[in-house]
């Protein structure tokens, strides 16, 4: 089973998930990584990510964290991320 490590608020939260698991779906139904994983829309439509993968990305396609189906160990952080730029508006 894949092992997940989440860095948040100066702590590291770890757990295991079944292979081919979506972390945002699990957090939404209050299974690990809940309550350690924060997310926005959870469907990739917002185009921003509140997480950055710091280990294990070589096993993953280039996608937002909410769109990933985890098959290997990963480590991610939700600390010190640059906030997303506000949407452009034209007048």
N, C-alpha and C. Protein backbone atom coordinates (compact mmCIF):
# COMPACT_ATOMS: atom_id res chain seq x y z
N UNK A 1 0.85 -1.18 0.00
CA UNK A 1 0.00 0.00 0.00
C UNK A 1 0.89 1.24 0.00
N UNK A 2 0.52 2.26 -0.78
CA UNK A 2 1.32 3.49 -0.81
C UNK A 2 1.33 4.20 0.54
N UNK A 3 2.48 4.72 0.87
CA UNK A 3 2.65 5.50 2.11
C UNK A 3 2.64 6.97 1.73
N UNK A 4 1.87 7.76 2.47
CA UNK A 4 1.71 9.19 2.20
C UNK A 4 2.27 9.97 3.39
N UNK A 5 3.04 11.03 3.10
CA UNK A 5 3.53 11.94 4.14
C UNK A 5 3.12 13.35 3.74
N UNK A 6 2.46 14.05 4.67
CA UNK A 6 1.99 15.42 4.42
C UNK A 6 2.64 16.34 5.43
N UNK A 7 3.39 17.34 4.94
CA UNK A 7 4.00 18.37 5.78
C UNK A 7 3.01 19.52 5.90
N UNK A 8 2.61 19.84 7.11
CA UNK A 8 1.65 20.93 7.32
C UNK A 8 1.81 21.48 8.74
N UNK A 9 1.87 22.79 8.85
CA UNK A 9 1.97 23.48 10.13
C UNK A 9 3.14 22.98 10.98
N UNK A 10 4.28 22.72 10.31
CA UNK A 10 5.48 22.32 11.01
C UNK A 10 5.48 20.87 11.47
N UNK A 11 4.49 20.09 11.07
CA UNK A 11 4.41 18.68 11.45
C UNK A 11 4.36 17.82 10.20
N UNK A 12 4.67 16.53 10.36
CA UNK A 12 4.55 15.58 9.26
C UNK A 12 3.52 14.53 9.67
N UNK A 13 2.49 14.39 8.86
CA UNK A 13 1.42 13.42 9.10
C UNK A 13 1.59 12.29 8.09
N UNK A 14 1.64 11.06 8.55
CA UNK A 14 1.86 9.94 7.65
C UNK A 14 0.74 8.92 7.79
N UNK A 15 0.54 8.18 6.72
CA UNK A 15 -0.45 7.12 6.71
C UNK A 15 -0.32 6.31 5.44
N UNK A 16 -1.06 5.23 5.38
CA UNK A 16 -1.09 4.39 4.19
C UNK A 16 -2.48 4.45 3.57
N UNK A 17 -2.52 4.31 2.26
CA UNK A 17 -3.78 4.29 1.53
C UNK A 17 -3.76 3.10 0.57
N UNK A 18 -4.92 2.66 0.16
CA UNK A 18 -4.99 1.60 -0.83
C UNK A 18 -4.45 2.11 -2.16
N UNK A 19 -3.89 1.22 -2.95
CA UNK A 19 -3.39 1.60 -4.26
C UNK A 19 -4.54 2.13 -5.12
N UNK A 20 -4.21 3.10 -5.96
CA UNK A 20 -5.16 3.76 -6.86
C UNK A 20 -6.20 4.58 -6.09
N UNK A 21 -5.71 5.29 -5.07
CA UNK A 21 -6.54 6.13 -4.21
C UNK A 21 -6.37 7.59 -4.58
N UNK A 22 -7.46 8.35 -4.52
CA UNK A 22 -7.41 9.80 -4.71
C UNK A 22 -7.46 10.44 -3.32
N UNK A 23 -6.45 11.23 -2.98
CA UNK A 23 -6.36 11.80 -1.63
C UNK A 23 -7.49 12.76 -1.32
N UNK A 24 -7.93 13.54 -2.29
CA UNK A 24 -9.00 14.51 -2.04
C UNK A 24 -10.33 13.79 -1.80
N UNK A 25 -10.58 12.72 -2.54
CA UNK A 25 -11.80 11.94 -2.31
C UNK A 25 -11.78 11.38 -0.89
N UNK A 26 -10.63 10.83 -0.48
CA UNK A 26 -10.52 10.27 0.87
C UNK A 26 -10.72 11.35 1.93
N UNK A 27 -10.12 12.53 1.73
CA UNK A 27 -10.30 13.61 2.70
C UNK A 27 -11.76 14.04 2.76
N UNK A 28 -12.43 14.04 1.60
CA UNK A 28 -13.84 14.43 1.55
C UNK A 28 -14.75 13.49 2.32
N UNK A 29 -14.37 12.22 2.41
CA UNK A 29 -15.19 11.26 3.17
C UNK A 29 -14.58 10.99 4.55
N UNK A 30 -13.71 11.90 4.95
CA UNK A 30 -13.11 11.93 6.29
C UNK A 30 -12.27 10.69 6.62
N UNK A 31 -11.48 10.23 5.63
CA UNK A 31 -10.47 9.21 5.85
C UNK A 31 -9.12 9.85 5.63
N UNK A 32 -8.04 9.25 6.16
CA UNK A 32 -6.72 9.85 5.96
C UNK A 32 -6.53 10.14 4.48
N UNK A 33 -6.14 11.36 4.14
CA UNK A 33 -5.39 12.35 4.90
C UNK A 33 -6.23 13.40 5.64
N UNK A 34 -7.53 13.23 5.73
CA UNK A 34 -8.36 14.12 6.53
C UNK A 34 -7.86 14.07 7.96
N UNK A 35 -7.75 15.17 8.67
CA UNK A 35 -8.00 16.57 8.32
C UNK A 35 -6.75 17.31 7.89
N UNK A 36 -5.70 16.59 7.53
CA UNK A 36 -4.41 17.22 7.24
C UNK A 36 -4.29 17.78 5.83
N UNK A 37 -5.16 17.39 4.92
CA UNK A 37 -5.08 17.84 3.53
C UNK A 37 -6.13 18.92 3.27
N UNK A 38 -5.67 20.12 2.92
CA UNK A 38 -6.62 21.16 2.55
C UNK A 38 -6.69 21.21 1.03
N UNK A 39 -7.85 21.54 0.50
CA UNK A 39 -8.04 21.61 -0.94
C UNK A 39 -9.15 22.59 -1.23
N UNK A 40 -9.26 22.97 -2.49
CA UNK A 40 -10.30 23.93 -2.89
C UNK A 40 -11.43 23.15 -3.54
N UNK A 41 -11.57 23.21 -4.84
CA UNK A 41 -12.72 22.57 -5.48
C UNK A 41 -12.60 21.05 -5.49
N UNK A 42 -11.39 20.52 -5.59
CA UNK A 42 -11.20 19.09 -5.58
C UNK A 42 -11.48 18.40 -6.89
N UNK A 43 -11.77 19.13 -7.93
CA UNK A 43 -12.07 18.53 -9.22
C UNK A 43 -11.16 19.03 -10.33
N UNK A 44 -10.17 19.83 -9.98
CA UNK A 44 -9.24 20.35 -10.97
C UNK A 44 -9.76 21.54 -11.75
N UNK A 45 -10.98 21.96 -11.47
CA UNK A 45 -11.56 23.07 -12.23
C UNK A 45 -11.05 24.43 -11.78
N UNK A 46 -10.58 24.53 -10.55
CA UNK A 46 -10.09 25.83 -10.08
C UNK A 46 -8.71 26.13 -10.66
N UNK A 47 -7.98 25.09 -11.07
CA UNK A 47 -6.67 25.29 -11.69
C UNK A 47 -5.58 25.72 -10.72
N UNK A 48 -5.83 25.64 -9.43
CA UNK A 48 -4.81 25.95 -8.43
C UNK A 48 -4.62 24.73 -7.55
N UNK A 49 -3.51 24.67 -6.90
CA UNK A 49 -3.25 23.53 -6.03
C UNK A 49 -2.73 24.04 -4.70
N UNK A 50 -3.24 23.47 -3.63
CA UNK A 50 -2.78 23.86 -2.30
C UNK A 50 -1.68 22.95 -1.80
N UNK A 51 -1.19 22.06 -2.67
CA UNK A 51 -0.14 21.12 -2.30
C UNK A 51 0.99 21.15 -3.33
N UNK A 52 2.17 20.78 -2.86
CA UNK A 52 3.32 20.61 -3.75
C UNK A 52 3.97 19.29 -3.39
N UNK A 53 4.16 18.44 -4.37
CA UNK A 53 4.78 17.13 -4.13
C UNK A 53 6.28 17.34 -4.01
N UNK A 54 6.86 16.84 -2.92
CA UNK A 54 8.29 17.02 -2.69
C UNK A 54 9.07 15.71 -2.82
N UNK A 55 8.39 14.59 -2.91
CA UNK A 55 9.04 13.30 -3.16
C UNK A 55 8.01 12.35 -3.77
N UNK A 56 8.43 11.59 -4.76
CA UNK A 56 7.54 10.63 -5.40
C UNK A 56 6.90 11.12 -6.67
N UNK A 57 7.19 12.33 -7.11
CA UNK A 57 6.56 12.89 -8.31
C UNK A 57 6.98 12.17 -9.58
N UNK A 58 8.14 11.52 -9.54
CA UNK A 58 8.61 10.83 -10.74
C UNK A 58 7.68 9.68 -11.12
N UNK A 59 6.82 9.26 -10.22
CA UNK A 59 5.87 8.19 -10.49
C UNK A 59 4.51 8.72 -10.96
N UNK A 60 4.37 10.03 -11.03
CA UNK A 60 3.05 10.63 -11.29
C UNK A 60 3.03 11.45 -12.57
N UNK A 61 1.86 11.52 -13.22
CA UNK A 61 1.72 12.42 -14.37
C UNK A 61 1.64 13.87 -13.88
N UNK A 62 1.87 14.81 -14.77
CA UNK A 62 1.79 16.24 -14.42
C UNK A 62 0.32 16.63 -14.30
N UNK A 63 -0.17 16.67 -13.09
CA UNK A 63 -1.57 17.04 -12.82
C UNK A 63 -1.65 17.74 -11.48
N UNK A 64 -2.80 18.34 -11.21
CA UNK A 64 -3.05 18.88 -9.89
C UNK A 64 -3.23 17.72 -8.91
N UNK A 65 -2.92 17.95 -7.67
CA UNK A 65 -2.97 16.89 -6.66
C UNK A 65 -4.36 16.24 -6.57
N UNK A 66 -5.41 17.00 -6.73
CA UNK A 66 -6.76 16.45 -6.62
C UNK A 66 -7.10 15.48 -7.75
N UNK A 67 -6.34 15.52 -8.83
CA UNK A 67 -6.61 14.65 -9.98
C UNK A 67 -5.77 13.38 -9.97
N UNK A 68 -4.91 13.23 -8.99
CA UNK A 68 -4.00 12.09 -8.96
C UNK A 68 -4.62 10.86 -8.31
N UNK A 69 -4.31 9.72 -8.88
CA UNK A 69 -4.69 8.43 -8.30
C UNK A 69 -3.38 7.79 -7.86
N UNK A 70 -3.17 7.70 -6.57
CA UNK A 70 -1.90 7.34 -5.97
C UNK A 70 -1.66 5.83 -6.06
N UNK A 71 -0.50 5.49 -6.63
CA UNK A 71 -0.11 4.09 -6.74
C UNK A 71 1.24 3.82 -6.07
N UNK A 72 1.96 4.89 -5.70
CA UNK A 72 3.29 4.78 -5.10
C UNK A 72 3.37 5.75 -3.92
N UNK A 73 4.39 5.58 -3.10
CA UNK A 73 4.62 6.48 -1.97
C UNK A 73 4.82 7.91 -2.48
N UNK A 74 4.25 8.87 -1.77
CA UNK A 74 4.50 10.29 -2.09
C UNK A 74 4.63 11.08 -0.79
N UNK A 75 5.28 12.21 -0.92
CA UNK A 75 5.43 13.16 0.18
C UNK A 75 5.06 14.52 -0.38
N UNK A 76 4.19 15.23 0.33
CA UNK A 76 3.79 16.55 -0.16
C UNK A 76 3.77 17.55 0.97
N UNK A 77 3.77 18.81 0.59
CA UNK A 77 3.73 19.88 1.57
C UNK A 77 2.60 20.84 1.25
N UNK A 78 2.13 21.47 2.31
CA UNK A 78 1.15 22.54 2.16
C UNK A 78 1.67 23.78 2.88
N UNK A 79 2.99 23.84 3.04
CA UNK A 79 3.63 24.96 3.72
C UNK A 79 4.39 25.83 2.74
N UNK A 80 4.43 27.12 3.02
CA UNK A 80 5.24 28.08 2.26
C UNK A 80 4.94 28.08 0.76
N UNK A 81 3.69 27.88 0.39
CA UNK A 81 3.31 27.93 -1.02
C UNK A 81 2.94 29.35 -1.39
N UNK A 82 3.31 29.75 -2.57
CA UNK A 82 2.95 31.07 -3.06
C UNK A 82 1.47 31.04 -3.41
N UNK A 83 0.67 31.98 -2.88
CA UNK A 83 -0.76 31.96 -3.21
C UNK A 83 -0.99 32.17 -4.69
N UNK A 84 -2.03 31.58 -5.20
CA UNK A 84 -2.37 31.72 -6.61
C UNK A 84 -2.71 33.17 -6.94
N UNK A 85 -2.34 33.59 -8.11
CA UNK A 85 -2.67 34.95 -8.56
C UNK A 85 -4.17 35.06 -8.77
N UNK A 86 -4.75 36.22 -8.49
CA UNK A 86 -6.18 36.38 -8.75
C UNK A 86 -6.46 36.30 -10.25
N UNK A 87 -7.67 35.87 -10.63
CA UNK A 87 -7.99 35.77 -12.05
C UNK A 87 -7.89 37.12 -12.74
N UNK A 88 -7.48 37.10 -14.00
CA UNK A 88 -7.39 38.32 -14.77
C UNK A 88 -8.79 38.81 -15.13
N UNK A 89 -8.98 40.08 -15.05
CA UNK A 89 -10.25 40.67 -15.47
C UNK A 89 -9.94 41.75 -16.49
N UNK A 90 -10.68 41.78 -17.54
CA UNK A 90 -10.46 42.82 -18.54
C UNK A 90 -11.68 43.73 -18.57
N UNK A 91 -11.43 44.99 -18.80
CA UNK A 91 -12.55 45.93 -18.83
C UNK A 91 -12.80 46.45 -20.21
